Amino acid sequence: MGDFLYKNIVFDLGGVVVDFNPREFLVDHFLNEKIENKLYDITFGSAEWLKIDAGVMTRAQAYEIMREKGKDLGLSFETDVILSDWFDMLNTKDDTVQLMKRLKKRGYRLFYLSNIADDVLETLQQRRFWSLFDGGIASCEVRLLKPDIRIYQTLIQKYHLIASECVFVDDNKINASAAFDADMVGIHFRNVRTLQRALKSYGIETERKSPRHAKKEPEKAVTK
């Protein structure tokens, strides 16, 4: 690790380590852009959703408000569908996990930094990939949300990290950019392939070593 410029890779969870794409979820369920936009504002894009992630409002309290908004717009059924089914989005992104394993083998420390509710956090903590993390910060635990610089600083302080040795990966471009304000490197996640290229540009190798790069054994002298 002494030769690495960057020593710590910090991952967002939703959209990076597990699937979370609300817009795609709404398209799959409703196929009506006008209704999808209204439903997004009621649920995923609402102030109540942010308050759940920040740990200042219970899911039950937030859902009651969301259902009332849905009722007022004549979208009670659709709102109920979202609130009962959205958890199914959270499938583990296996390609990201494989990348994390390779980084771990190369000696990097892995952390998470996520805007996430306590019940979702508890669910993800039961998954096999969780043991790859050396630690992390969840918004619900500290009542701070990205891109607030204080949540990045909280991670740095809690684990006694050097900010300039940290790379942060987030599928939200604003959150990724905010990492630079905390003296970290921020990478906007699109997919694992582009992430590997971005990491490589910072000197972080993640590819599996191919046979042609394997160290050759010295040839033995032939004796007659």
Protein backbone atom coordinates (compact mmCIF):
# COMPACT_ATOMS: atom_id res chain seq x y z
CA MET A 1 0.00 0.00 0.00
CA GLY A 2 2.91 2.34 0.52
CA ASP A 3 3.36 2.80 -3.24
CA PHE A 4 -0.30 3.66 -3.89
CA LEU A 5 -1.23 7.30 -4.37
CA TYR A 6 -4.82 6.39 -3.57
CA LYS A 7 -5.51 3.90 -0.79
CA ASN A 8 -9.25 4.07 -0.17
CA ILE A 9 -12.12 3.54 -2.62
CA VAL A 10 -15.47 4.81 -1.37
CA PHE A 11 -18.68 3.53 -2.97
CA ASP A 12 -22.19 4.87 -3.07
CA LEU A 13 -24.62 1.95 -2.61
CA GLY A 14 -27.82 2.53 -4.60
CA GLY A 15 -27.07 2.66 -8.32
CA VAL A 16 -23.47 1.50 -7.84
CA VAL A 17 -23.35 -1.63 -5.67
CA VAL A 18 -27.07 -2.43 -5.93
CA ASP A 19 -29.55 -1.47 -8.64
CA PHE A 20 -31.59 1.65 -7.98
CA ASN A 21 -33.10 3.45 -10.95
CA PRO A 22 -36.49 4.96 -10.03
CA ARG A 23 -37.13 6.43 -13.47
CA GLU A 24 -36.61 3.07 -15.13
CA PHE A 25 -38.82 1.43 -12.50
CA LEU A 26 -41.64 3.86 -13.27
CA VAL A 27 -41.33 3.33 -17.03
CA ASP A 28 -41.50 -0.44 -16.57
CA HIS A 29 -44.66 -0.14 -14.49
CA PHE A 30 -46.68 2.63 -16.14
CA LEU A 31 -45.48 3.49 -19.67
CA ASN A 32 -46.99 6.97 -19.39
CA GLU A 33 -44.50 9.82 -19.06
CA LYS A 34 -46.99 12.33 -17.66
CA ILE A 35 -48.14 9.96 -14.93
CA GLU A 36 -44.57 8.79 -14.27
CA ASN A 37 -43.44 12.36 -13.62
CA LYS A 38 -46.30 12.97 -11.17
CA LEU A 39 -45.58 9.71 -9.36
CA TYR A 40 -41.87 10.49 -9.18
CA ASP A 41 -42.62 13.83 -7.52
CA ILE A 42 -44.94 12.12 -5.04
CA THR A 43 -42.48 9.38 -4.10
CA PHE A 44 -38.81 9.13 -5.07
CA GLY A 45 -38.41 12.84 -5.78
CA SER A 46 -40.29 14.07 -2.73
CA ALA A 47 -39.07 15.90 0.34
CA GLU A 48 -40.44 12.99 2.37
CA TRP A 49 -38.14 10.51 0.60
CA LEU A 50 -35.14 12.65 1.49
CA LYS A 51 -36.31 12.84 5.11
CA ILE A 52 -36.47 9.04 5.30
CA ASP A 53 -32.89 8.82 4.01
CA ALA A 54 -31.82 11.51 6.47
CA GLY A 55 -33.32 9.56 9.36
CA VAL A 56 -35.63 12.41 10.41
CA MET A 57 -38.92 10.81 9.33
CA THR A 58 -40.12 7.22 9.60
CA ARG A 59 -41.13 5.34 6.48
CA ALA A 60 -44.66 4.98 7.85
CA GLN A 61 -44.99 8.75 8.35
CA ALA A 62 -43.62 9.49 4.88
CA TYR A 63 -45.79 6.88 3.16
CA GLU A 64 -48.92 8.34 4.76
CA ILE A 65 -48.11 11.73 3.25
CA MET A 66 -47.26 10.18 -0.14
CA ARG A 67 -50.54 8.25 -0.21
CA GLU A 68 -52.48 11.42 0.56
CA LYS A 69 -50.74 13.19 -2.33
CA GLY A 70 -51.51 10.25 -4.60
CA LYS A 71 -55.15 10.31 -3.56
CA ASP A 72 -55.42 14.04 -4.28
CA LEU A 73 -54.13 13.42 -7.83
CA GLY A 74 -56.32 10.39 -8.43
CA LEU A 75 -53.26 8.12 -8.37
CA SER A 76 -53.90 6.12 -5.20
CA PHE A 77 -53.51 2.71 -6.85
CA GLU A 78 -50.34 3.69 -8.70
CA THR A 79 -48.79 5.19 -5.57
CA ASP A 80 -49.54 2.01 -3.61
CA VAL A 81 -47.88 -0.08 -6.34
CA ILE A 82 -44.69 1.96 -6.05
CA LEU A 83 -44.57 1.88 -2.26
CA SER A 84 -45.12 -1.87 -2.14
CA ASP A 85 -42.85 -2.90 -5.05
CA TRP A 86 -39.91 -0.47 -5.22
CA PHE A 87 -37.75 -2.56 -2.86
CA ASP A 88 -37.55 -5.19 -5.62
CA MET A 89 -35.20 -2.86 -7.50
CA LEU A 90 -32.36 -3.45 -5.07
CA ASN A 91 -30.63 -6.33 -6.82
CA THR A 92 -26.91 -6.72 -6.20
CA LYS A 93 -24.78 -5.52 -9.12
CA ASP A 94 -22.51 -8.54 -9.48
CA ASP A 95 -20.05 -6.82 -11.82
CA THR A 96 -19.46 -4.08 -9.25
CA VAL A 97 -18.97 -6.67 -6.50
CA GLN A 98 -16.40 -8.52 -8.63
CA LEU A 99 -14.57 -5.22 -9.13
CA MET A 100 -14.63 -4.61 -5.38
CA LYS A 101 -13.13 -8.05 -4.78
CA ARG A 102 -10.29 -7.31 -7.19
CA LEU A 103 -9.61 -3.98 -5.51
CA LYS A 104 -9.58 -5.67 -2.13
CA LYS A 105 -7.08 -8.27 -3.33
CA ARG A 106 -4.82 -5.50 -4.55
CA GLY A 107 -4.74 -4.00 -1.07
CA TYR A 108 -7.21 -1.13 -1.29
CA ARG A 109 -9.54 -0.37 1.60
CA LEU A 110 -13.22 -0.14 0.67
CA PHE A 111 -15.84 2.09 2.27
CA TYR A 112 -19.43 3.10 1.56
CA LEU A 113 -20.99 6.57 1.68
CA SER A 114 -24.69 6.50 0.90
CA ASN A 115 -27.95 8.39 1.20
CA ILE A 116 -29.92 5.46 2.55
CA ALA A 117 -32.74 4.67 4.98
CA ASP A 118 -32.18 2.46 8.00
CA ASP A 119 -34.35 -0.43 6.76
CA VAL A 120 -32.58 -0.53 3.41
CA LEU A 121 -29.22 -0.39 5.16
CA GLU A 122 -30.18 -3.35 7.35
CA THR A 123 -31.20 -5.33 4.28
CA LEU A 124 -27.93 -4.69 2.45
CA GLN A 125 -25.89 -5.55 5.53
CA GLN A 126 -27.16 -9.13 5.21
CA ARG A 127 -25.70 -9.56 1.72
CA ARG A 128 -22.42 -11.33 1.06
CA PHE A 129 -20.67 -8.29 -0.39
CA TRP A 130 -21.00 -6.38 2.89
CA SER A 131 -17.94 -8.08 4.37
CA LEU A 132 -15.81 -6.39 1.68
CA PHE A 133 -16.30 -3.00 3.34
CA ASP A 134 -13.86 -1.72 5.94
CA GLY A 135 -16.51 0.73 7.14
CA GLY A 136 -18.75 3.49 5.94
CA ILE A 137 -21.29 6.20 6.62
CA ALA A 138 -25.05 6.02 6.01
CA SER A 139 -27.07 9.24 5.87
CA CYS A 140 -29.74 7.87 8.21
CA GLU A 141 -27.13 7.40 10.95
CA VAL A 142 -25.64 10.90 10.83
CA ARG A 143 -28.69 12.88 9.60
CA LEU A 144 -26.72 14.35 6.74
CA LEU A 145 -27.26 13.89 3.01
CA LYS A 146 -24.88 14.06 0.07
CA PRO A 147 -23.87 16.46 -1.42
CA ASP A 148 -23.49 18.18 1.98
CA ILE A 149 -19.72 18.35 2.45
CA ARG A 150 -20.12 17.44 6.11
CA ILE A 151 -21.07 13.84 5.34
CA TYR A 152 -17.85 13.35 3.35
CA GLN A 153 -15.86 14.92 6.17
CA THR A 154 -17.61 12.66 8.69
CA LEU A 155 -16.37 9.59 6.81
CA ILE A 156 -12.83 10.96 6.71
CA GLN A 157 -12.81 11.81 10.40
CA LYS A 158 -14.46 8.60 11.64
CA TYR A 159 -11.90 6.34 9.96
CA HIS A 160 -8.91 8.70 10.25
CA LEU A 161 -8.47 8.75 6.47
CA ILE A 162 -6.43 11.18 4.42
CA ALA A 163 -8.90 12.81 2.02
CA SER A 164 -6.40 13.10 -0.82
CA GLU A 165 -5.92 9.31 -0.71
CA CYS A 166 -9.63 8.64 -1.25
CA VAL A 167 -11.60 8.07 -4.46
CA PHE A 168 -15.39 8.35 -4.26
CA VAL A 169 -17.74 6.66 -6.76
CA ASP A 170 -21.37 7.76 -7.13
CA ASP A 171 -24.00 7.42 -9.86
CA ASN A 172 -25.20 10.95 -9.05
CA LYS A 173 -22.94 13.44 -10.82
CA ILE A 174 -23.58 16.19 -8.26
CA ASN A 175 -22.61 13.91 -5.38
CA ALA A 176 -19.49 12.73 -7.20
CA SER A 177 -18.44 16.32 -7.91
CA ALA A 178 -19.00 17.33 -4.29
CA ALA A 179 -16.27 14.90 -3.23
CA PHE A 180 -13.68 17.27 -4.72
CA ASP A 181 -14.81 19.95 -2.25
CA ALA A 182 -13.82 17.53 0.51
CA ASP A 183 -10.38 17.03 -1.15
CA MET A 184 -11.33 13.57 -2.42
CA VAL A 185 -11.42 12.43 -6.05
CA GLY A 186 -14.97 12.00 -7.34
CA ILE A 187 -15.93 9.63 -10.16
CA HIS A 188 -19.38 9.67 -11.77
CA PHE A 189 -20.46 6.02 -12.11
CA ARG A 190 -22.17 4.92 -15.33
CA ASN A 191 -21.15 1.29 -15.52
CA VAL A 192 -18.26 -0.90 -14.38
CA ARG A 193 -16.40 -0.67 -17.67
CA THR A 194 -16.19 3.13 -17.59
CA LEU A 195 -15.41 3.01 -13.87
CA GLN A 196 -12.43 0.75 -14.54
CA ARG A 197 -11.14 3.22 -17.12
CA ALA A 198 -11.60 6.13 -14.73
CA LEU A 199 -9.83 4.30 -11.91
CA LYS A 200 -6.97 3.38 -14.25
CA SER A 201 -6.54 7.06 -15.13
CA TYR A 202 -5.76 7.60 -11.45
CA GLY A 203 -3.29 4.74 -11.38
CA ILE A 204 -5.70 2.21 -9.88
CA GLU A 205 -5.54 -1.07 -11.75
CA THR A 206 -8.60 -3.30 -11.56
CA GLU A 207 -8.29 -5.64 -14.55
CA ARG A 208 -7.51 -9.30 -14.09
CA LYS A 209 -3.91 -10.02 -15.05
CA SER A 210 -3.73 -11.77 -18.39
CA PRO A 211 -1.33 -14.70 -18.91
CA ARG A 212 0.95 -12.66 -21.17
CA HIS A 213 1.58 -10.29 -18.24
CA ALA A 214 2.45 -13.10 -15.86
CA LYS A 215 5.97 -13.16 -14.54
CA LYS A 216 8.11 -15.60 -16.51
CA GLU A 217 10.15 -18.19 -14.76
CA PRO A 218 13.87 -18.03 -15.57
CA GLU A 219 14.93 -20.61 -18.12
CA LYS A 220 17.01 -23.42 -16.75
CA ALA A 221 20.37 -24.13 -18.36
CA VAL A 222 20.38 -27.26 -20.44
CA THR A 223 23.17 -29.61 -19.50
CA LYS A 224 24.37 -32.42 -21.73
